[in-house]
Amino acid sequence: MKWILVGASLFMIGLGSAQAQPPPPTYAPVPPPRYEVVPPPPGPRVVWEPGHWRWDGGRYVWIGGHYVERHHRPMQWVEGRWVWHGRWVWVPAHWR
């Protein structure tokens, strides 16, 4: 019985501290994409991944585009994009 009371007390303390958390940080809107000159592909098995903005904790930093090698199986290339999930989240480009 004593352990149940100790466990319940710790649980209630945990609930109280979880409610006292500061609000999540706010992020500036994502800047528009930069114009990039796409160089000729270095070979037939590559796909261009355009540049994108990355949040570094205090500001957005531009990550330049580059070529990515095609997947060895027939798959669809999905470009990276910013998605709103209560805050802006970068979903990297990937094969699907």
Foldseek 3Di string as FASTA:
>chain_A
DVVVVVVVVVVVVVVVVVVVDDDDDADDDFDDFDDDDDDDDPDDQKDKAAWGWDDPPPDTDIDGIDIDGHDPDDWDWDHWDWDDPVHTDIDHIDTD
